[in-house]
Amino acid sequence: MNKKGFLYRAFDLYYDGFRHMSLGRTLWAVILIKLFIIFAILKMFFFPDFLKQKAPDNEAGYVATELIDRAQ
């Protein structure tokens, strides 16, 4: 890879920055924990599976009829 190329310099910048990180590792851990909470835990409590409740047998048919009914 060309050492003067943009991709090499960008990769080197991030690689060097992550290698010399001390406080940043803790901050990244906090960010990853928060993302896990947002996407995994909150999804279970606040976003129920709507299709399973409305159409447990034929989910595709339910979606199709809803789209057709709303388009009219």
PDB file of N, CA and C in Angstrom:
ATOM      1  N   MET A   1       0.848  -1.179   0.000  1.00  0.00           N
ATOM      2  CA  MET A   1       0.000   0.000   0.000  1.00  0.00           C
ATOM      3  C   MET A   1       0.892   1.241   0.000  1.00  0.00           C
ATOM      4  N   ASN A   2       0.500   2.245  -0.730  1.00  0.00           N
ATOM      5  CA  ASN A   2       1.256   3.480  -0.818  1.00  0.00           C
ATOM      6  C   ASN A   2       1.174   4.222   0.508  1.00  0.00           C
ATOM      7  N   LYS A   3       2.311   4.522   1.120  1.00  0.00           N
ATOM      8  CA  LYS A   3       2.323   5.165   2.436  1.00  0.00           C
ATOM      9  C   LYS A   3       1.889   6.621   2.378  1.00  0.00           C
ATOM     10  N   LYS A   4       1.814   7.197   1.207  1.00  0.00           N
ATOM     11  CA  LYS A   4       1.381   8.580   1.094  1.00  0.00           C
ATOM     12  C   LYS A   4      -0.077   8.677   0.678  1.00  0.00           C
ATOM     13  N   GLY A   5      -0.715   7.537   0.481  1.00  0.00           N
ATOM     14  CA  GLY A   5      -2.105   7.530   0.055  1.00  0.00           C
ATOM     15  C   GLY A   5      -3.043   7.927   1.193  1.00  0.00           C
ATOM     16  N   PHE A   6      -4.203   8.406   0.811  1.00  0.00           N
ATOM     17  CA  PHE A   6      -5.182   8.878   1.798  1.00  0.00           C
ATOM     18  C   PHE A   6      -5.664   7.759   2.709  1.00  0.00           C
ATOM     19  N   LEU A   7      -5.966   6.600   2.122  1.00  0.00           N
ATOM     20  CA  LEU A   7      -6.484   5.494   2.940  1.00  0.00           C
ATOM     21  C   LEU A   7      -5.449   5.027   3.958  1.00  0.00           C
ATOM     22  N   TYR A   8      -4.200   4.958   3.563  1.00  0.00           N
ATOM     23  CA  TYR A   8      -3.160   4.547   4.498  1.00  0.00           C
ATOM     24  C   TYR A   8      -3.025   5.560   5.627  1.00  0.00           C
ATOM     25  N   ARG A   9      -3.023   6.844   5.291  1.00  0.00           N
ATOM     26  CA  ARG A   9      -2.882   7.864   6.328  1.00  0.00           C
ATOM     27  C   ARG A   9      -4.073   7.872   7.271  1.00  0.00           C
ATOM     28  N   ALA A  10      -5.279   7.677   6.741  1.00  0.00           N
ATOM     29  CA  ALA A  10      -6.472   7.634   7.594  1.00  0.00           C
ATOM     30  C   ALA A  10      -6.425   6.411   8.509  1.00  0.00           C
ATOM     31  N   PHE A  11      -6.085   5.250   7.958  1.00  0.00           N
ATOM     32  CA  PHE A  11      -5.965   4.042   8.783  1.00  0.00           C
ATOM     33  C   PHE A  11      -4.900   4.226   9.853  1.00  0.00           C
ATOM     34  N   ASP A  12      -3.763   4.778   9.489  1.00  0.00           N
ATOM     35  CA  ASP A  12      -2.677   4.978  10.435  1.00  0.00           C
ATOM     36  C   ASP A  12      -3.081   5.934  11.554  1.00  0.00           C
ATOM     37  N   LEU A  13      -3.841   6.960  11.221  1.00  0.00           N
ATOM     38  CA  LEU A  13      -4.312   7.915  12.225  1.00  0.00           C
ATOM     39  C   LEU A  13      -5.180   7.217  13.265  1.00  0.00           C
ATOM     40  N   TYR A  14      -6.161   6.447  12.817  1.00  0.00           N
ATOM     41  CA  TYR A  14      -7.045   5.754  13.752  1.00  0.00           C
ATOM     42  C   TYR A  14      -6.319   4.647  14.501  1.00  0.00           C
ATOM     43  N   TYR A  15      -5.476   3.906  13.831  1.00  0.00           N
ATOM     44  CA  TYR A  15      -4.749   2.816  14.471  1.00  0.00           C
ATOM     45  C   TYR A  15      -3.842   3.355  15.571  1.00  0.00           C
ATOM     46  N   ASP A  16      -3.127   4.402  15.268  1.00  0.00           N
ATOM     47  CA  ASP A  16      -2.228   4.999  16.254  1.00  0.00           C
ATOM     48  C   ASP A  16      -3.015   5.600  17.418  1.00  0.00           C
ATOM     49  N   GLY A  17      -4.139   6.222  17.105  1.00  0.00           N
ATOM     50  CA  GLY A  17      -4.956   6.815  18.163  1.00  0.00           C
ATOM     51  C   GLY A  17      -5.536   5.776  19.097  1.00  0.00           C
ATOM     52  N   PHE A  18      -6.034   4.674  18.564  1.00  0.00           N
ATOM     53  CA  PHE A  18      -6.600   3.629  19.419  1.00  0.00           C
ATOM     54  C   PHE A  18      -5.509   2.878  20.198  1.00  0.00           C
ATOM     55  N   ARG A  19      -4.328   2.793  19.637  1.00  0.00           N
ATOM     56  CA  ARG A  19      -3.249   2.074  20.314  1.00  0.00           C
ATOM     57  C   ARG A  19      -2.770   2.823  21.546  1.00  0.00           C
ATOM     58  N   HIS A  20      -2.753   4.142  21.509  1.00  0.00           N
ATOM     59  CA  HIS A  20      -2.247   4.937  22.619  1.00  0.00           C
ATOM     60  C   HIS A  20      -3.355   5.452  23.532  1.00  0.00           C
ATOM     61  N   MET A  21      -4.507   4.892  23.451  1.00  0.00           N
ATOM     62  CA  MET A  21      -5.640   5.332  24.248  1.00  0.00           C
ATOM     63  C   MET A  21      -5.531   4.816  25.682  1.00  0.00           C
ATOM     64  N   SER A  22      -5.854   5.672  26.654  1.00  0.00           N
ATOM     65  CA  SER A  22      -5.928   5.190  28.040  1.00  0.00           C
ATOM     66  C   SER A  22      -7.337   5.436  28.584  1.00  0.00           C
ATOM     67  N   LEU A  23      -7.757   6.664  28.653  1.00  0.00           N
ATOM     68  CA  LEU A  23      -9.107   6.976  29.114  1.00  0.00           C
ATOM     69  C   LEU A  23     -10.139   6.598  28.052  1.00  0.00           C
ATOM     70  N   GLY A  24      -9.747   6.611  26.810  1.00  0.00           N
ATOM     71  CA  GLY A  24     -10.663   6.313  25.724  1.00  0.00           C
ATOM     72  C   GLY A  24     -11.232   4.906  25.764  1.00  0.00           C
ATOM     73  N   ARG A  25     -10.472   3.959  26.261  1.00  0.00           N
ATOM     74  CA  ARG A  25     -10.976   2.587  26.349  1.00  0.00           C
ATOM     75  C   ARG A  25     -12.147   2.504  27.299  1.00  0.00           C
ATOM     76  N   THR A  26     -12.060   3.236  28.402  1.00  0.00           N
ATOM     77  CA  THR A  26     -13.173   3.270  29.350  1.00  0.00           C
ATOM     78  C   THR A  26     -14.378   3.941  28.721  1.00  0.00           C
ATOM     79  N   LEU A  27     -14.146   5.015  27.996  1.00  0.00           N
ATOM     80  CA  LEU A  27     -15.252   5.712  27.343  1.00  0.00           C
ATOM     81  C   LEU A  27     -15.898   4.839  26.276  1.00  0.00           C
ATOM     82  N   TRP A  28     -15.104   4.095  25.510  1.00  0.00           N
ATOM     83  CA  TRP A  28     -15.664   3.179  24.512  1.00  0.00           C
ATOM     84  C   TRP A  28     -16.476   2.077  25.174  1.00  0.00           C
ATOM     85  N   ALA A  29     -16.009   1.614  26.339  1.00  0.00           N
ATOM     86  CA  ALA A  29     -16.773   0.589  27.070  1.00  0.00           C
ATOM     87  C   ALA A  29     -18.123   1.148  27.506  1.00  0.00           C
ATOM     88  N   VAL A  30     -18.142   2.383  27.985  1.00  0.00           N
ATOM     89  CA  VAL A  30     -19.398   3.022  28.390  1.00  0.00           C
ATOM     90  C   VAL A  30     -20.320   3.181  27.192  1.00  0.00           C
ATOM     91  N   ILE A  31     -19.782   3.595  26.062  1.00  0.00           N
ATOM     92  CA  ILE A  31     -20.588   3.764  24.847  1.00  0.00           C
ATOM     93  C   ILE A  31     -21.192   2.433  24.410  1.00  0.00           C
ATOM     94  N   LEU A  32     -20.396   1.373  24.413  1.00  0.00           N
ATOM     95  CA  LEU A  32     -20.905   0.064  23.995  1.00  0.00           C
ATOM     96  C   LEU A  32     -21.963  -0.465  24.948  1.00  0.00           C
ATOM     97  N   ILE A  33     -21.789  -0.229  26.245  1.00  0.00           N
ATOM     98  CA  ILE A  33     -22.807  -0.653  27.220  1.00  0.00           C
ATOM     99  C   ILE A  33     -24.102   0.116  27.000  1.00  0.00           C
ATOM    100  N   LYS A  34     -23.990   1.414  26.761  1.00  0.00           N
ATOM    101  CA  LYS A  34     -25.190   2.215  26.504  1.00  0.00           C
ATOM    102  C   LYS A  34     -25.903   1.763  25.235  1.00  0.00           C
ATOM    103  N   LEU A  35     -25.163   1.457  24.187  1.00  0.00           N
ATOM    104  CA  LEU A  35     -25.786   0.975  22.957  1.00  0.00           C
ATOM    105  C   LEU A  35     -26.480  -0.359  23.173  1.00  0.00           C
ATOM    106  N   PHE A  36     -25.858  -1.237  23.961  1.00  0.00           N
ATOM    107  CA  PHE A  36     -26.495  -2.508  24.277  1.00  0.00           C
ATOM    108  C   PHE A  36     -27.799  -2.279  25.023  1.00  0.00           C
ATOM    109  N   ILE A  37     -27.789  -1.376  25.981  1.00  0.00           N
ATOM    110  CA  ILE A  37     -29.011  -1.083  26.743  1.00  0.00           C
ATOM    111  C   ILE A  37     -30.084  -0.524  25.821  1.00  0.00           C
ATOM    112  N   ILE A  38     -29.712   0.394  24.962  1.00  0.00           N
ATOM    113  CA  ILE A  38     -30.692   1.028  24.077  1.00  0.00           C
ATOM    114  C   ILE A  38     -31.307   0.006  23.128  1.00  0.00           C
ATOM    115  N   PHE A  39     -30.476  -0.795  22.476  1.00  0.00           N
ATOM    116  CA  PHE A  39     -30.989  -1.661  21.424  1.00  0.00           C
ATOM    117  C   PHE A  39     -31.483  -3.012  21.910  1.00  0.00           C
ATOM    118  N   ALA A  40     -30.986  -3.518  22.996  1.00  0.00           N
ATOM    119  CA  ALA A  40     -31.395  -4.851  23.447  1.00  0.00           C
ATOM    120  C   ALA A  40     -32.433  -4.779  24.557  1.00  0.00           C
ATOM    121  N   ILE A  41     -32.122  -4.066  25.611  1.00  0.00           N
ATOM    122  CA  ILE A  41     -32.996  -4.053  26.779  1.00  0.00           C
ATOM    123  C   ILE A  41     -34.266  -3.240  26.518  1.00  0.00           C
ATOM    124  N   LEU A  42     -34.126  -2.025  26.022  1.00  0.00           N
ATOM    125  CA  LEU A  42     -35.297  -1.176  25.804  1.00  0.00           C
ATOM    126  C   LEU A  42     -36.220  -1.735  24.730  1.00  0.00           C
ATOM    127  N   LYS A  43     -35.662  -2.433  23.756  1.00  0.00           N
ATOM    128  CA  LYS A  43     -36.498  -3.023  22.704  1.00  0.00           C
ATOM    129  C   LYS A  43     -37.470  -4.040  23.288  1.00  0.00           C
ATOM    130  N   MET A  44     -37.016  -4.790  24.252  1.00  0.00           N
ATOM    131  CA  MET A  44     -37.885  -5.807  24.848  1.00  0.00           C
ATOM    132  C   MET A  44     -39.061  -5.178  25.597  1.00  0.00           C
ATOM    133  N   PHE A  45     -38.845  -4.052  26.254  1.00  0.00           N
ATOM    134  CA  PHE A  45     -39.883  -3.464  27.097  1.00  0.00           C
ATOM    135  C   PHE A  45     -40.787  -2.473  26.371  1.00  0.00           C
ATOM    136  N   PHE A  46     -40.232  -1.698  25.448  1.00  0.00           N
ATOM    137  CA  PHE A  46     -41.002  -0.622  24.832  1.00  0.00           C
ATOM    138  C   PHE A  46     -41.450  -0.885  23.405  1.00  0.00           C
ATOM    139  N   PHE A  47     -40.915  -1.884  22.767  1.00  0.00           N
ATOM    140  CA  PHE A  47     -41.270  -2.171  21.385  1.00  0.00           C
ATOM    141  C   PHE A  47     -41.724  -3.617  21.255  1.00  0.00           C
ATOM    142  N   PRO A  48     -42.979  -3.884  21.597  1.00  0.00           N
ATOM    143  CA  PRO A  48     -43.462  -5.266  21.496  1.00  0.00           C
ATOM    144  C   PRO A  48     -43.574  -5.698  20.035  1.00  0.00           C
ATOM    145  N   ASP A  49     -43.638  -6.991  19.820  1.00  0.00           N
ATOM    146  CA  ASP A  49     -43.757  -7.530  18.475  1.00  0.00           C
ATOM    147  C   ASP A  49     -45.204  -7.360  18.004  1.00  0.00           C
ATOM    148  N   PHE A  50     -45.450  -6.290  17.294  1.00  0.00           N
ATOM    149  CA  PHE A  50     -46.795  -5.909  16.881  1.00  0.00           C
ATOM    150  C   PHE A  50     -47.414  -6.937  15.944  1.00  0.00           C
ATOM    151  N   LEU A  51     -46.624  -7.466  15.026  1.00  0.00           N
ATOM    152  CA  LEU A  51     -47.163  -8.424  14.059  1.00  0.00           C
ATOM    153  C   LEU A  51     -47.577  -9.734  14.719  1.00  0.00           C
ATOM    154  N   LYS A  52     -46.851 -10.163  15.715  1.00  0.00           N
ATOM    155  CA  LYS A  52     -47.219 -11.406  16.399  1.00  0.00           C
ATOM    156  C   LYS A  52     -48.543 -11.249  17.139  1.00  0.00           C
ATOM    157  N   GLN A  53     -48.828 -10.029  17.613  1.00  0.00           N
ATOM    158  CA  GLN A  53     -50.084  -9.791  18.327  1.00  0.00           C
ATOM    159  C   GLN A  53     -51.259  -9.693  17.362  1.00  0.00           C
ATOM    160  N   LYS A  54     -51.072  -9.006  16.246  1.00  0.00           N
ATOM    161  CA  LYS A  54     -52.171  -8.769  15.308  1.00  0.00           C
ATOM    162  C   LYS A  54     -52.428  -9.948  14.376  1.00  0.00           C
ATOM    163  N   ALA A  55     -51.378 -10.595  13.938  1.00  0.00           N
ATOM    164  CA  ALA A  55     -51.537 -11.700  12.984  1.00  0.00           C
ATOM    165  C   ALA A  55     -50.541 -12.800  13.314  1.00  0.00           C
ATOM    166  N   PRO A  56     -50.852 -13.644  14.253  1.00  0.00           N
ATOM    167  CA  PRO A  56     -49.887 -14.680  14.631  1.00  0.00           C
ATOM    168  C   PRO A  56     -49.656 -15.737  13.557  1.00  0.00           C
ATOM    169  N   ASP A  57     -50.633 -15.927  12.676  1.00  0.00           N
ATOM    170  CA  ASP A  57     -50.498 -16.978  11.669  1.00  0.00           C
ATOM    171  C   ASP A  57     -49.941 -16.467  10.340  1.00  0.00           C
ATOM    172  N   ASN A  58     -50.499 -15.380   9.841  1.00  0.00           N
ATOM    173  CA  ASN A  58     -50.176 -14.910   8.501  1.00  0.00           C
ATOM    174  C   ASN A  58     -49.695 -13.468   8.564  1.00  0.00           C
ATOM    175  N   GLU A  59     -48.440 -13.280   8.893  1.00  0.00           N
ATOM    176  CA  GLU A  59     -47.896 -11.924   9.024  1.00  0.00           C
ATOM    177  C   GLU A  59     -47.824 -11.218   7.672  1.00  0.00           C
ATOM    178  N   ALA A  60     -47.416 -11.921   6.643  1.00  0.00           N
ATOM    179  CA  ALA A  60     -47.291 -11.312   5.318  1.00  0.00           C
ATOM    180  C   ALA A  60     -48.661 -10.889   4.793  1.00  0.00           C
ATOM    181  N   GLY A  61     -49.661 -11.699   5.014  1.00  0.00           N
ATOM    182  CA  GLY A  61     -51.009 -11.340   4.582  1.00  0.00           C
ATOM    183  C   GLY A  61     -51.549 -10.131   5.313  1.00  0.00           C
ATOM    184  N   TYR A  62     -51.266 -10.036   6.598  1.00  0.00           N
ATOM    185  CA  TYR A  62     -51.706  -8.879   7.373  1.00  0.00           C
ATOM    186  C   TYR A  62     -51.060  -7.594   6.862  1.00  0.00           C
ATOM    187  N   VAL A  63     -49.770  -7.653   6.603  1.00  0.00           N
ATOM    188  CA  VAL A  63     -49.061  -6.473   6.091  1.00  0.00           C
ATOM    189  C   VAL A  63     -49.603  -6.085   4.724  1.00  0.00           C
ATOM    190  N   ALA A  64     -49.859  -7.054   3.877  1.00  0.00           N
ATOM    191  CA  ALA A  64     -50.371  -6.770   2.532  1.00  0.00           C
ATOM    192  C   ALA A  64     -51.739  -6.114   2.599  1.00  0.00           C
ATOM    193  N   THR A  65     -52.639  -6.636   3.436  1.00  0.00           N
ATOM    194  CA  THR A  65     -53.974  -6.027   3.532  1.00  0.00           C
ATOM    195  C   THR A  65     -53.910  -4.638   4.130  1.00  0.00           C
ATOM    196  N   GLU A  66     -53.023  -4.418   5.095  1.00  0.00           N
ATOM    197  CA  GLU A  66     -52.887  -3.081   5.673  1.00  0.00           C
ATOM    198  C   GLU A  66     -52.363  -2.082   4.642  1.00  0.00           C
ATOM    199  N   LEU A  67     -51.409  -2.502   3.856  1.00  0.00           N
ATOM    200  CA  LEU A  67     -50.877  -1.600   2.808  1.00  0.00           C
ATOM    201  C   LEU A  67     -51.931  -1.287   1.768  1.00  0.00           C
ATOM    202  N   ILE A  68     -52.693  -2.280   1.377  1.00  0.00           N
ATOM    203  CA  ILE A  68     -53.744  -2.056   0.373  1.00  0.00           C
ATOM    204  C   ILE A  68     -54.839  -1.164   0.946  1.00  0.00           C
ATOM    205  N   ASP A  69     -55.261  -1.416   2.174  1.00  0.00           N
ATOM    206  CA  ASP A  69     -56.316  -0.617   2.787  1.00  0.00           C
ATOM    207  C   ASP A  69     -55.889   0.823   2.992  1.00  0.00           C
ATOM    208  N   ARG A  70     -54.655   1.055   3.361  1.00  0.00           N
ATOM    209  CA  ARG A  70     -54.184   2.422   3.592  1.00  0.00           C
ATOM    210  C   ARG A  70     -53.933   3.167   2.299  1.00  0.00           C
ATOM    211  N   ALA A  71     -53.684   2.468   1.207  1.00  0.00           N
ATOM    212  CA  ALA A  71     -53.438   3.114  -0.069  1.00  0.00           C
ATOM    213  C   ALA A  71     -54.741   3.601  -0.705  1.00  0.00           C
ATOM    214  N   GLN A  72     -55.868   3.056  -0.289  1.00  0.00           N
ATOM    215  CA  GLN A  72     -57.143   3.430  -0.901  1.00  0.00           C
ATOM    216  C   GLN A  72     -57.725   4.652  -0.293  1.00  0.00           C
TER     217      GLN A  72
END
